[in-house]
């Protein structure tokens, strides 16, 4: 199987995670960061998940998994299996398929209808790495290598480009001219300036590239500055 890569908007969507251990925790943290409503089905939770439950950030069903539990949370957008019990994983996968809900079973590709890539996040920049389920360990190693290259300056650059794009598009310029401007900015020394926290240099470079009506200072405010 060659998976089709896609980014999904989970804001306000219902997601169910079966399992209450470390694997479940990793899934749940990233799901909450994406704005999902998360329900967890498990007789026990590790301390970190208990803290999320007491903080009312997740809903906890304190029972072993059974298919009828899913009825409580319809409509469900995604289901995750995070247990090491084969029988539970098989039952969960079959029920998800019956209900036509995309399902991921951790480390069991043959029971999945989608897989979760290794992810690097810098602000709005998201880079995902997948081996199609063949080798999560290799995907993890590639992610670690990429993390060394794509540091916090890329979060700043991504935010800056978003702010500039709003202004440039609002000015009503020709789309081809806009494309040239964006490429010139990306190919300039703005990124190294952000890496070095040299905002004065970044302002100077951008002012030379952009038309006068673009407010560089507004786009490159203190929030873009590196910590």
Foldseek 3Di string as FASTA:
>chain_A
DDDDDDDDQQAAAEEEEEDADDQSVVVVVVSVVSNHAYEYEELDHPPVVVVCVVVVSHHYDNHHDDLVVVVVRPPHAEYEYEDPDVVSLQRVLVSCVVVVHFYYYPLPLVSGPDDAFDWDDQAPDIDGFDPSSPDNPVRVVVVVVVPVVDDNLVNLVVQLLVLQVVQVVVVVDDPVVVVVLSVCLVPDCLSVCLVVQNVVVNLVSNVVRDDPSGDSCVSNDPVSHDD
